[in-house]
Amino acid sequence: MLLGVLILCVFSFVMPEDKLVSVDFEIFGNVQGVCFRMYTEDQGRSLGLSGWVKNTRQGTVIGQIQGPADRINDMKLWLQNVGSPSSRIDRAVFSNERDISKPEITGFSTRY
């Protein structure tokens, strides 16, 4: 029992619920022309995240997400494994992950 309490205390210290993070992403595969941006925007909003999403000339989708670390992790899993119904995700790359004191972006949008 003491070990469980100790693990919980360490986890709470390392991963506080109010920790906010920002992370950039790039998604590779069949992700353009399949409503990937719209579904990403909807998923981000449903998780209460801020961010943006955009198609690239290289055929990928890029973006940035900001919010509580646990919800960012949920979004990362969604971007890696789910996407839009007609998409095929070959690879998801996450970069520039950093702690932030408050969201730097308001709302979730598609950029052009």
PDB file of N, CA and C in Angstrom:
ATOM      1  N   MET A   1       0.827  -1.198   0.000  1.00  0.00           N
ATOM      2  CA  MET A   1       0.000   0.000   0.000  1.00  0.00           C
ATOM      3  C   MET A   1       0.866   1.254   0.000  1.00  0.00           C
ATOM      4  N   LEU A   2       1.911   1.246   0.814  1.00  0.00           N
ATOM      5  CA  LEU A   2       2.802   2.402   0.883  1.00  0.00           C
ATOM      6  C   LEU A   2       3.474   2.649  -0.464  1.00  0.00           C
ATOM      7  N   LEU A   3       3.850   1.574  -1.148  1.00  0.00           N
ATOM      8  CA  LEU A   3       4.473   1.711  -2.466  1.00  0.00           C
ATOM      9  C   LEU A   3       3.510   2.373  -3.449  1.00  0.00           C
ATOM     10  N   GLY A   4       2.241   1.982  -3.404  1.00  0.00           N
ATOM     11  CA  GLY A   4       1.236   2.583  -4.284  1.00  0.00           C
ATOM     12  C   GLY A   4       1.072   4.069  -4.029  1.00  0.00           C
ATOM     13  N   VAL A   5       1.064   4.464  -2.772  1.00  0.00           N
ATOM     14  CA  VAL A   5       0.945   5.881  -2.418  1.00  0.00           C
ATOM     15  C   VAL A   5       2.181   6.638  -2.894  1.00  0.00           C
ATOM     16  N   LEU A   6       3.348   6.032  -2.717  1.00  0.00           N
ATOM     17  CA  LEU A   6       4.593   6.658  -3.153  1.00  0.00           C
ATOM     18  C   LEU A   6       4.601   6.855  -4.668  1.00  0.00           C
ATOM     19  N   ILE A   7       4.186   5.844  -5.411  1.00  0.00           N
ATOM     20  CA  ILE A   7       4.131   5.951  -6.873  1.00  0.00           C
ATOM     21  C   ILE A   7       3.155   7.045  -7.284  1.00  0.00           C
ATOM     22  N   LEU A   8       2.005   7.104  -6.639  1.00  0.00           N
ATOM     23  CA  LEU A   8       1.010   8.132  -6.949  1.00  0.00           C
ATOM     24  C   LEU A   8       1.570   9.526  -6.679  1.00  0.00           C
ATOM     25  N   CYS A   9       2.284   9.683  -5.566  1.00  0.00           N
ATOM     26  CA  CYS A   9       2.880  10.983  -5.233  1.00  0.00           C
ATOM     27  C   CYS A   9       3.934  11.378  -6.260  1.00  0.00           C
ATOM     28  N   VAL A  10       4.771  10.439  -6.671  1.00  0.00           N
ATOM     29  CA  VAL A  10       5.801  10.724  -7.668  1.00  0.00           C
ATOM     30  C   VAL A  10       5.143  11.086  -8.992  1.00  0.00           C
ATOM     31  N   PHE A  11       4.113  10.333  -9.409  1.00  0.00           N
ATOM     32  CA  PHE A  11       3.410  10.613 -10.659  1.00  0.00           C
ATOM     33  C   PHE A  11       2.776  11.994 -10.612  1.00  0.00           C
ATOM     34  N   SER A  12       2.174  12.349  -9.499  1.00  0.00           N
ATOM     35  CA  SER A  12       1.547  13.665  -9.369  1.00  0.00           C
ATOM     36  C   SER A  12       2.579  14.777  -9.456  1.00  0.00           C
ATOM     37  N   PHE A  13       3.768  14.518  -8.941  1.00  0.00           N
ATOM     38  CA  PHE A  13       4.824  15.521  -9.004  1.00  0.00           C
ATOM     39  C   PHE A  13       5.327  15.691 -10.434  1.00  0.00           C
ATOM     40  N   VAL A  14       5.502  14.580 -11.133  1.00  0.00           N
ATOM     41  CA  VAL A  14       6.038  14.606 -12.490  1.00  0.00           C
ATOM     42  C   VAL A  14       5.001  15.092 -13.491  1.00  0.00           C
ATOM     43  N   MET A  15       3.735  14.733 -13.295  1.00  0.00           N
ATOM     44  CA  MET A  15       2.698  15.009 -14.277  1.00  0.00           C
ATOM     45  C   MET A  15       1.516  15.712 -13.622  1.00  0.00           C
ATOM     46  N   PRO A  16       1.702  16.945 -13.135  1.00  0.00           N
ATOM     47  CA  PRO A  16       0.576  17.622 -12.504  1.00  0.00           C
ATOM     48  C   PRO A  16      -0.550  17.834 -13.510  1.00  0.00           C
ATOM     49  N   GLU A  17      -1.787  17.762 -13.018  1.00  0.00           N
ATOM     50  CA  GLU A  17      -2.950  17.860 -13.889  1.00  0.00           C
ATOM     51  C   GLU A  17      -3.034  19.200 -14.599  1.00  0.00           C
ATOM     52  N   ASP A  18      -2.502  20.245 -13.993  1.00  0.00           N
ATOM     53  CA  ASP A  18      -2.626  21.566 -14.598  1.00  0.00           C
ATOM     54  C   ASP A  18      -1.431  21.944 -15.471  1.00  0.00           C
ATOM     55  N   LYS A  19      -0.530  21.009 -15.708  1.00  0.00           N
ATOM     56  CA  LYS A  19       0.628  21.272 -16.561  1.00  0.00           C
ATOM     57  C   LYS A  19       0.152  21.487 -17.998  1.00  0.00           C
ATOM     58  N   LEU A  20       0.518  22.627 -18.571  1.00  0.00           N
ATOM     59  CA  LEU A  20       0.145  22.938 -19.952  1.00  0.00           C
ATOM     60  C   LEU A  20       1.350  22.743 -20.858  1.00  0.00           C
ATOM     61  N   VAL A  21       1.106  22.174 -22.022  1.00  0.00           N
ATOM     62  CA  VAL A  21       2.181  21.959 -22.979  1.00  0.00           C
ATOM     63  C   VAL A  21       1.755  22.417 -24.370  1.00  0.00           C
ATOM     64  N   SER A  22       2.746  22.645 -25.196  1.00  0.00           N
ATOM     65  CA  SER A  22       2.553  22.971 -26.605  1.00  0.00           C
ATOM     66  C   SER A  22       3.389  21.984 -27.400  1.00  0.00           C
ATOM     67  N   VAL A  23       2.846  21.477 -28.488  1.00  0.00           N
ATOM     68  CA  VAL A  23       3.585  20.538 -29.334  1.00  0.00           C
ATOM     69  C   VAL A  23       3.191  20.748 -30.793  1.00  0.00           C
ATOM     70  N   ASP A  24       4.186  20.665 -31.669  1.00  0.00           N
ATOM     71  CA  ASP A  24       3.958  20.727 -33.111  1.00  0.00           C
ATOM     72  C   ASP A  24       3.813  19.300 -33.632  1.00  0.00           C
ATOM     73  N   PHE A  25       3.104  19.141 -34.747  1.00  0.00           N
ATOM     74  CA  PHE A  25       2.959  17.813 -35.338  1.00  0.00           C
ATOM     75  C   PHE A  25       2.982  17.884 -36.854  1.00  0.00           C
ATOM     76  N   GLU A  26       3.363  16.752 -37.460  1.00  0.00           N
ATOM     77  CA  GLU A  26       3.248  16.566 -38.902  1.00  0.00           C
ATOM     78  C   GLU A  26       2.778  15.141 -39.131  1.00  0.00           C
ATOM     79  N   ILE A  27       1.731  15.009 -39.941  1.00  0.00           N
ATOM     80  CA  ILE A  27       1.126  13.712 -40.202  1.00  0.00           C
ATOM     81  C   ILE A  27       1.365  13.344 -41.666  1.00  0.00           C
ATOM     82  N   PHE A  28       1.884  12.134 -41.883  1.00  0.00           N
ATOM     83  CA  PHE A  28       2.201  11.624 -43.215  1.00  0.00           C
ATOM     84  C   PHE A  28       1.228  10.508 -43.576  1.00  0.00           C
ATOM     85  N   GLY A  29       0.939  10.374 -44.855  1.00  0.00           N
ATOM     86  CA  GLY A  29       0.042   9.328 -45.345  1.00  0.00           C
ATOM     87  C   GLY A  29      -0.970   9.932 -46.296  1.00  0.00           C
ATOM     88  N   ASN A  30      -2.110   9.292 -46.414  1.00  0.00           N
ATOM     89  CA  ASN A  30      -3.207   9.842 -47.218  1.00  0.00           C
ATOM     90  C   ASN A  30      -4.043  10.707 -46.281  1.00  0.00           C
ATOM     91  N   VAL A  31      -3.618  11.964 -46.128  1.00  0.00           N
ATOM     92  CA  VAL A  31      -4.247  12.848 -45.142  1.00  0.00           C
ATOM     93  C   VAL A  31      -4.779  14.147 -45.747  1.00  0.00           C
ATOM     94  N   GLN A  32      -4.689  14.283 -47.056  1.00  0.00           N
ATOM     95  CA  GLN A  32      -5.270  15.449 -47.724  1.00  0.00           C
ATOM     96  C   GLN A  32      -6.418  14.989 -48.615  1.00  0.00           C
ATOM     97  N   GLY A  33      -7.460  15.807 -48.682  1.00  0.00           N
ATOM     98  CA  GLY A  33      -8.632  15.461 -49.478  1.00  0.00           C
ATOM     99  C   GLY A  33      -9.528  14.437 -48.815  1.00  0.00           C
ATOM    100  N   VAL A  34      -9.328  14.219 -47.508  1.00  0.00           N
ATOM    101  CA  VAL A  34     -10.113  13.225 -46.762  1.00  0.00           C
ATOM    102  C   VAL A  34     -10.680  13.824 -45.469  1.00  0.00           C
ATOM    103  N   CYS A  35     -10.822  15.139 -45.442  1.00  0.00           N
ATOM    104  CA  CYS A  35     -11.385  15.872 -44.288  1.00  0.00           C
ATOM    105  C   CYS A  35     -10.553  15.736 -43.014  1.00  0.00           C
ATOM    106  N   PHE A  36      -9.256  15.466 -43.159  1.00  0.00           N
ATOM    107  CA  PHE A  36      -8.398  15.289 -41.986  1.00  0.00           C
ATOM    108  C   PHE A  36      -8.344  16.553 -41.139  1.00  0.00           C
ATOM    109  N   ARG A  37      -8.232  17.710 -41.781  1.00  0.00           N
ATOM    110  CA  ARG A  37      -8.157  18.966 -41.019  1.00  0.00           C
ATOM    111  C   ARG A  37      -9.443  19.210 -40.235  1.00  0.00           C
ATOM    112  N   MET A  38     -10.587  18.981 -40.869  1.00  0.00           N
ATOM    113  CA  MET A  38     -11.868  19.207 -40.197  1.00  0.00           C
ATOM    114  C   MET A  38     -12.013  18.292 -38.973  1.00  0.00           C
ATOM    115  N   TYR A  39     -11.671  17.016 -39.148  1.00  0.00           N
ATOM    116  CA  TYR A  39     -11.769  16.083 -38.025  1.00  0.00           C
ATOM    117  C   TYR A  39     -10.761  16.422 -36.933  1.00  0.00           C
ATOM    118  N   THR A  40      -9.578  16.893 -37.322  1.00  0.00           N
ATOM    119  CA  THR A  40      -8.568  17.287 -36.334  1.00  0.00           C
ATOM    120  C   THR A  40      -9.055  18.477 -35.524  1.00  0.00           C
ATOM    121  N   GLU A  41      -9.618  19.441 -36.210  1.00  0.00           N
ATOM    122  CA  GLU A  41     -10.169  20.618 -35.532  1.00  0.00           C
ATOM    123  C   GLU A  41     -11.281  20.203 -34.563  1.00  0.00           C
ATOM    124  N   ASP A  42     -12.188  19.345 -35.012  1.00  0.00           N
ATOM    125  CA  ASP A  42     -13.284  18.871 -34.152  1.00  0.00           C
ATOM    126  C   ASP A  42     -12.757  18.110 -32.939  1.00  0.00           C
ATOM    127  N   GLN A  43     -11.772  17.238 -33.154  1.00  0.00           N
ATOM    128  CA  GLN A  43     -11.210  16.452 -32.051  1.00  0.00           C
ATOM    129  C   GLN A  43     -10.498  17.359 -31.055  1.00  0.00           C
ATOM    130  N   GLY A  44      -9.728  18.311 -31.554  1.00  0.00           N
ATOM    131  CA  GLY A  44      -9.039  19.257 -30.671  1.00  0.00           C
ATOM    132  C   GLY A  44     -10.017  20.037 -29.818  1.00  0.00           C
ATOM    133  N   ARG A  45     -11.077  20.514 -30.443  1.00  0.00           N
ATOM    134  CA  ARG A  45     -12.101  21.256 -29.687  1.00  0.00           C
ATOM    135  C   ARG A  45     -12.785  20.365 -28.662  1.00  0.00           C
ATOM    136  N   SER A  46     -13.092  19.126 -29.038  1.00  0.00           N
ATOM    137  CA  SER A  46     -13.786  18.233 -28.097  1.00  0.00           C
ATOM    138  C   SER A  46     -12.917  17.920 -26.881  1.00  0.00           C
ATOM    139  N   LEU A  47     -11.603  17.979 -27.046  1.00  0.00           N
ATOM    140  CA  LEU A  47     -10.683  17.763 -25.923  1.00  0.00           C
ATOM    141  C   LEU A  47     -10.376  19.058 -25.173  1.00  0.00           C
ATOM    142  N   GLY A  48     -10.915  20.174 -25.638  1.00  0.00           N
ATOM    143  CA  GLY A  48     -10.680  21.456 -24.982  1.00  0.00           C
ATOM    144  C   GLY A  48      -9.308  22.039 -25.254  1.00  0.00           C
ATOM    145  N   LEU A  49      -8.715  21.678 -26.394  1.00  0.00           N
ATOM    146  CA  LEU A  49      -7.385  22.159 -26.736  1.00  0.00           C
ATOM    147  C   LEU A  49      -7.453  23.398 -27.614  1.00  0.00           C
ATOM    148  N   SER A  50      -6.356  24.118 -27.656  1.00  0.00           N
ATOM    149  CA  SER A  50      -6.175  25.222 -28.595  1.00  0.00           C
ATOM    150  C   SER A  50      -5.185  24.757 -29.644  1.00  0.00           C
ATOM    151  N   GLY A  51      -5.289  25.337 -30.837  1.00  0.00           N
ATOM    152  CA  GLY A  51      -4.310  24.971 -31.847  1.00  0.00           C
ATOM    153  C   GLY A  51      -4.732  25.331 -33.242  1.00  0.00           C
ATOM    154  N   TRP A  52      -3.994  24.791 -34.191  1.00  0.00           N
ATOM    155  CA  TRP A  52      -4.289  25.007 -35.600  1.00  0.00           C
ATOM    156  C   TRP A  52      -3.811  23.806 -36.399  1.00  0.00           C
ATOM    157  N   VAL A  53      -4.331  23.691 -37.623  1.00  0.00           N
ATOM    158  CA  VAL A  53      -3.990  22.593 -38.521  1.00  0.00           C
ATOM    159  C   VAL A  53      -3.941  23.142 -39.940  1.00  0.00           C
ATOM    160  N   LYS A  54      -3.056  22.579 -40.777  1.00  0.00           N
ATOM    161  CA  LYS A  54      -2.857  23.122 -42.122  1.00  0.00           C
ATOM    162  C   LYS A  54      -2.311  22.046 -43.060  1.00  0.00           C
ATOM    163  N   ASN A  55      -2.771  22.045 -44.320  1.00  0.00           N
ATOM    164  CA  ASN A  55      -2.184  21.199 -45.357  1.00  0.00           C
ATOM    165  C   ASN A  55      -0.853  21.799 -45.799  1.00  0.00           C
ATOM    166  N   THR A  56       0.079  20.932 -46.222  1.00  0.00           N
ATOM    167  CA  THR A  56       1.345  21.402 -46.782  1.00  0.00           C
ATOM    168  C   THR A  56       1.405  21.056 -48.266  1.00  0.00           C
ATOM    169  N   ARG A  57       2.305  21.689 -48.964  1.00  0.00           N
ATOM    170  CA  ARG A  57       2.516  21.380 -50.386  1.00  0.00           C
ATOM    171  C   ARG A  57       3.126  19.997 -50.574  1.00  0.00           C
ATOM    172  N   GLN A  58       3.709  19.447 -49.527  1.00  0.00           N
ATOM    173  CA  GLN A  58       4.336  18.128 -49.595  1.00  0.00           C
ATOM    174  C   GLN A  58       3.331  16.992 -49.389  1.00  0.00           C
ATOM    175  N   GLY A  59       2.059  17.337 -49.178  1.00  0.00           N
ATOM    176  CA  GLY A  59       1.027  16.315 -49.010  1.00  0.00           C
ATOM    177  C   GLY A  59       0.823  15.860 -47.582  1.00  0.00           C
ATOM    178  N   THR A  60       1.449  16.547 -46.629  1.00  0.00           N
ATOM    179  CA  THR A  60       1.270  16.216 -45.217  1.00  0.00           C
ATOM    180  C   THR A  60       0.318  17.219 -44.577  1.00  0.00           C
ATOM    181  N   VAL A  61       0.009  16.979 -43.327  1.00  0.00           N
ATOM    182  CA  VAL A  61      -0.767  17.925 -42.524  1.00  0.00           C
ATOM    183  C   VAL A  61       0.104  18.307 -41.335  1.00  0.00           C
ATOM    184  N   ILE A  62       0.224  19.611 -41.086  1.00  0.00           N
ATOM    185  CA  ILE A  62       0.999  20.093 -39.942  1.00  0.00           C
ATOM    186  C   ILE A  62       0.080  20.863 -39.002  1.00  0.00           C
ATOM    187  N   GLY A  63       0.561  21.070 -37.788  1.00  0.00           N
ATOM    188  CA  GLY A  63      -0.208  21.871 -36.853  1.00  0.00           C
ATOM    189  C   GLY A  63       0.486  22.010 -35.521  1.00  0.00           C
ATOM    190  N   GLN A  64      -0.221  22.658 -34.631  1.00  0.00           N
ATOM    191  CA  GLN A  64       0.258  22.857 -33.267  1.00  0.00           C
ATOM    192  C   GLN A  64      -0.930  22.702 -32.333  1.00  0.00           C
ATOM    193  N   ILE A  65      -0.699  22.031 -31.217  1.00  0.00           N
ATOM    194  CA  ILE A  65      -1.743  21.859 -30.206  1.00  0.00           C
ATOM    195  C   ILE A  65      -1.208  22.326 -28.860  1.00  0.00           C
ATOM    196  N   GLN A  66      -2.106  22.916 -28.059  1.00  0.00           N
ATOM    197  CA  GLN A  66      -1.748  23.412 -26.736  1.00  0.00           C
ATOM    198  C   GLN A  66      -2.859  23.080 -25.759  1.00  0.00           C
ATOM    199  N   GLY A  67      -2.459  22.703 -24.539  1.00  0.00           N
ATOM    200  CA  GLY A  67      -3.434  22.416 -23.504  1.00  0.00           C
ATOM    201  C   GLY A  67      -2.849  21.535 -22.422  1.00  0.00           C
ATOM    202  N   PRO A  68      -3.714  20.993 -21.549  1.00  0.00           N
ATOM    203  CA  PRO A  68      -3.252  20.117 -20.475  1.00  0.00           C
ATOM    204  C   PRO A  68      -2.535  18.884 -21.035  1.00  0.00           C
ATOM    205  N   ALA A  69      -1.459  18.491 -20.378  1.00  0.00           N
ATOM    206  CA  ALA A  69      -0.612  17.404 -20.867  1.00  0.00           C
ATOM    207  C   ALA A  69      -1.384  16.113 -21.120  1.00  0.00           C
ATOM    208  N   ASP A  70      -2.335  15.771 -20.242  1.00  0.00           N
ATOM    209  CA  ASP A  70      -3.062  14.517 -20.439  1.00  0.00           C
ATOM    210  C   ASP A  70      -3.930  14.561 -21.693  1.00  0.00           C
ATOM    211  N   ARG A  71      -4.526  15.713 -21.976  1.00  0.00           N
ATOM    212  CA  ARG A  71      -5.353  15.837 -23.186  1.00  0.00           C
ATOM    213  C   ARG A  71      -4.493  15.942 -24.444  1.00  0.00           C
ATOM    214  N   ILE A  72      -3.318  16.527 -24.309  1.00  0.00           N
ATOM    215  CA  ILE A  72      -2.372  16.548 -25.434  1.00  0.00           C
ATOM    216  C   ILE A  72      -1.990  15.117 -25.792  1.00  0.00           C
ATOM    217  N   ASN A  73      -1.745  14.290 -24.779  1.00  0.00           N
ATOM    218  CA  ASN A  73      -1.415  12.885 -25.047  1.00  0.00           C
ATOM    219  C   ASN A  73      -2.564  12.173 -25.742  1.00  0.00           C
ATOM    220  N   ASP A  74      -3.803  12.457 -25.334  1.00  0.00           N
ATOM    221  CA  ASP A  74      -4.969  11.872 -26.011  1.00  0.00           C
ATOM    222  C   ASP A  74      -5.008  12.298 -27.476  1.00  0.00           C
ATOM    223  N   MET A  75      -4.739  13.567 -27.732  1.00  0.00           N
ATOM    224  CA  MET A  75      -4.760  14.078 -29.104  1.00  0.00           C
ATOM    225  C   MET A  75      -3.642  13.460 -29.930  1.00  0.00           C
ATOM    226  N   LYS A  76      -2.470  13.277 -29.330  1.00  0.00           N
ATOM    227  CA  LYS A  76      -1.364  12.649 -30.049  1.00  0.00           C
ATOM    228  C   LYS A  76      -1.740  11.230 -30.474  1.00  0.00           C
ATOM    229  N   LEU A  77      -2.370  10.492 -29.574  1.00  0.00           N
ATOM    230  CA  LEU A  77      -2.815   9.136 -29.919  1.00  0.00           C
ATOM    231  C   LEU A  77      -3.832   9.168 -31.048  1.00  0.00           C
ATOM    232  N   TRP A  78      -4.753  10.120 -31.002  1.00  0.00           N
ATOM    233  CA  TRP A  78      -5.763  10.254 -32.050  1.00  0.00           C
ATOM    234  C   TRP A  78      -5.094  10.568 -33.389  1.00  0.00           C
ATOM    235  N   LEU A  79      -4.137  11.496 -33.386  1.00  0.00           N
ATOM    236  CA  LEU A  79      -3.434  11.866 -34.615  1.00  0.00           C
ATOM    237  C   LEU A  79      -2.625  10.701 -35.181  1.00  0.00           C
ATOM    238  N   GLN A  80      -2.071   9.866 -34.317  1.00  0.00           N
ATOM    239  CA  GLN A  80      -1.262   8.728 -34.755  1.00  0.00           C
ATOM    240  C   GLN A  80      -2.104   7.570 -35.266  1.00  0.00           C
ATOM    241  N   ASN A  81      -3.278   7.373 -34.673  1.00  0.00           N
ATOM    242  CA  ASN A  81      -4.008   6.125 -34.897  1.00  0.00           C
ATOM    243  C   ASN A  81      -5.407   6.241 -35.476  1.00  0.00           C
ATOM    244  N   VAL A  82      -6.027   7.408 -35.424  1.00  0.00           N
ATOM    245  CA  VAL A  82      -7.434   7.507 -35.817  1.00  0.00           C
ATOM    246  C   VAL A  82      -7.602   8.410 -37.036  1.00  0.00           C
ATOM    247  N   GLY A  83      -7.445   9.704 -36.862  1.00  0.00           N
ATOM    248  CA  GLY A  83      -7.629  10.644 -37.964  1.00  0.00           C
ATOM    249  C   GLY A  83      -9.053  10.658 -38.483  1.00  0.00           C
ATOM    250  N   SER A  84      -9.211  11.080 -39.730  1.00  0.00           N
ATOM    251  CA  SER A  84     -10.548  11.091 -40.334  1.00  0.00           C
ATOM    252  C   SER A  84     -10.866   9.690 -40.867  1.00  0.00           C
ATOM    253  N   PRO A  85     -12.156   9.384 -41.044  1.00  0.00           N
ATOM    254  CA  PRO A  85     -12.539   8.030 -41.466  1.00  0.00           C
ATOM    255  C   PRO A  85     -11.872   7.555 -42.761  1.00  0.00           C
ATOM    256  N   SER A  86     -11.639   8.443 -43.710  1.00  0.00           N
ATOM    257  CA  SER A  86     -11.060   8.031 -44.997  1.00  0.00           C
ATOM    258  C   SER A  86      -9.545   8.197 -45.066  1.00  0.00           C
ATOM    259  N   SER A  87      -8.935   8.643 -43.988  1.00  0.00           N
ATOM    260  CA  SER A  87      -7.484   8.869 -44.017  1.00  0.00           C
ATOM    261  C   SER A  87      -6.717   7.567 -43.805  1.00  0.00           C
ATOM    262  N   ARG A  88      -5.447   7.601 -44.198  1.00  0.00           N
ATOM    263  CA  ARG A  88      -4.507   6.523 -43.880  1.00  0.00           C
ATOM    264  C   ARG A  88      -3.276   7.196 -43.285  1.00  0.00           C
ATOM    265  N   ILE A  89      -3.023   6.951 -42.033  1.00  0.00           N
ATOM    266  CA  ILE A  89      -1.898   7.578 -41.336  1.00  0.00           C
ATOM    267  C   ILE A  89      -0.709   6.627 -41.392  1.00  0.00           C
ATOM    268  N   ASP A  90       0.352   7.059 -42.070  1.00  0.00           N
ATOM    269  CA  ASP A  90       1.570   6.256 -42.142  1.00  0.00           C
ATOM    270  C   ASP A  90       2.521   6.578 -40.996  1.00  0.00           C
ATOM    271  N   ARG A  91       2.561   7.855 -40.627  1.00  0.00           N
ATOM    272  CA  ARG A  91       3.517   8.275 -39.598  1.00  0.00           C
ATOM    273  C   ARG A  91       3.085   9.607 -39.025  1.00  0.00           C
ATOM    274  N   ALA A  92       3.299   9.771 -37.734  1.00  0.00           N
ATOM    275  CA  ALA A  92       3.044  11.042 -37.051  1.00  0.00           C
ATOM    276  C   ALA A  92       4.334  11.458 -36.354  1.00  0.00           C
ATOM    277  N   VAL A  93       4.762  12.678 -36.604  1.00  0.00           N
ATOM    278  CA  VAL A  93       5.990  13.197 -35.995  1.00  0.00           C
ATOM    279  C   VAL A  93       5.612  14.367 -35.093  1.00  0.00           C
ATOM    280  N   PHE A  94       6.058  14.303 -33.846  1.00  0.00           N
ATOM    281  CA  PHE A  94       5.796  15.359 -32.872  1.00  0.00           C
ATOM    282  C   PHE A  94       7.124  16.014 -32.512  1.00  0.00           C
ATOM    283  N   SER A  95       7.121  17.341 -32.442  1.00  0.00           N
ATOM    284  CA  SER A  95       8.367  18.065 -32.178  1.00  0.00           C
ATOM    285  C   SER A  95       8.085  19.329 -31.370  1.00  0.00           C
ATOM    286  N   ASN A  96       9.155  19.920 -30.897  1.00  0.00           N
ATOM    287  CA  ASN A  96       9.088  21.192 -30.152  1.00  0.00           C
ATOM    288  C   ASN A  96       8.131  21.137 -28.960  1.00  0.00           C
ATOM    289  N   GLU A  97       8.064  19.996 -28.296  1.00  0.00           N
ATOM    290  CA  GLU A  97       7.196  19.909 -27.115  1.00  0.00           C
ATOM    291  C   GLU A  97       7.819  20.719 -25.987  1.00  0.00           C
ATOM    292  N   ARG A  98       6.995  21.576 -25.386  1.00  0.00           N
ATOM    293  CA  ARG A  98       7.510  22.444 -24.317  1.00  0.00           C
ATOM    294  C   ARG A  98       6.392  22.803 -23.355  1.00  0.00           C
ATOM    295  N   ASP A  99       6.787  23.098 -22.135  1.00  0.00           N
ATOM    296  CA  ASP A  99       5.829  23.566 -21.136  1.00  0.00           C
ATOM    297  C   ASP A  99       5.488  25.023 -21.424  1.00  0.00           C
ATOM    298  N   ILE A 100       4.230  25.376 -21.195  1.00  0.00           N
ATOM    299  CA  ILE A 100       3.798  26.770 -21.335  1.00  0.00           C
ATOM    300  C   ILE A 100       3.022  27.151 -20.080  1.00  0.00           C
ATOM    301  N   SER A 101       3.035  28.427 -19.741  1.00  0.00           N
ATOM    302  CA  SER A 101       2.326  28.878 -18.539  1.00  0.00           C
ATOM    303  C   SER A 101       0.850  29.135 -18.818  1.00  0.00           C
ATOM    304  N   LYS A 102       0.537  29.487 -20.071  1.00  0.00           N
ATOM    305  CA  LYS A 102      -0.854  29.689 -20.479  1.00  0.00           C
ATOM    306  C   LYS A 102      -0.927  29.471 -21.986  1.00  0.00           C
ATOM    307  N   PRO A 103      -2.108  29.143 -22.502  1.00  0.00           N
ATOM    308  CA  PRO A 103      -2.222  28.934 -23.954  1.00  0.00           C
ATOM    309  C   PRO A 103      -1.814  30.191 -24.728  1.00  0.00           C
ATOM    310  N   GLU A 104      -1.069  29.985 -25.791  1.00  0.00           N
ATOM    311  CA  GLU A 104      -0.622  31.085 -26.643  1.00  0.00           C
ATOM    312  C   GLU A 104      -1.532  31.255 -27.858  1.00  0.00           C
ATOM    313  N   ILE A 105      -2.434  30.308 -28.041  1.00  0.00           N
ATOM    314  CA  ILE A 105      -3.380  30.305 -29.156  1.00  0.00           C
ATOM    315  C   ILE A 105      -4.781  30.246 -28.569  1.00  0.00           C
ATOM    316  N   THR A 106      -5.702  30.987 -29.154  1.00  0.00           N
ATOM    317  CA  THR A 106      -7.095  30.952 -28.708  1.00  0.00           C
ATOM    318  C   THR A 106      -7.911  30.151 -29.711  1.00  0.00           C
ATOM    319  N   GLY A 107      -8.634  29.154 -29.224  1.00  0.00           N
ATOM    320  CA  GLY A 107      -9.485  28.351 -30.098  1.00  0.00           C
ATOM    321  C   GLY A 107      -8.692  27.368 -30.940  1.00  0.00           C
ATOM    322  N   PHE A 108      -9.388  26.706 -31.855  1.00  0.00           N
ATOM    323  CA  PHE A 108      -8.762  25.738 -32.755  1.00  0.00           C
ATOM    324  C   PHE A 108      -9.208  26.077 -34.166  1.00  0.00           C
ATOM    325  N   SER A 109      -8.263  26.221 -35.087  1.00  0.00           N
ATOM    326  CA  SER A 109      -8.626  26.674 -36.432  1.00  0.00           C
ATOM    327  C   SER A 109      -7.856  25.932 -37.515  1.00  0.00           C
ATOM    328  N   THR A 110      -8.372  26.044 -38.725  1.00  0.00           N
ATOM    329  CA  THR A 110      -7.680  25.565 -39.914  1.00  0.00           C
ATOM    330  C   THR A 110      -7.007  26.764 -40.561  1.00  0.00           C
ATOM    331  N   ARG A 111      -5.728  26.600 -40.860  1.00  0.00           N
ATOM    332  CA  ARG A 111      -4.978  27.662 -41.540  1.00  0.00           C
ATOM    333  C   ARG A 111      -4.804  27.296 -43.007  1.00  0.00           C
ATOM    334  N   TYR A 112      -4.676  28.327 -43.833  1.00  0.00           N
ATOM    335  CA  TYR A 112      -4.527  28.122 -45.278  1.00  0.00           C
ATOM    336  C   TYR A 112      -3.260  28.767 -45.785  1.00  0.00           C
TER     337      TYR A 112
END
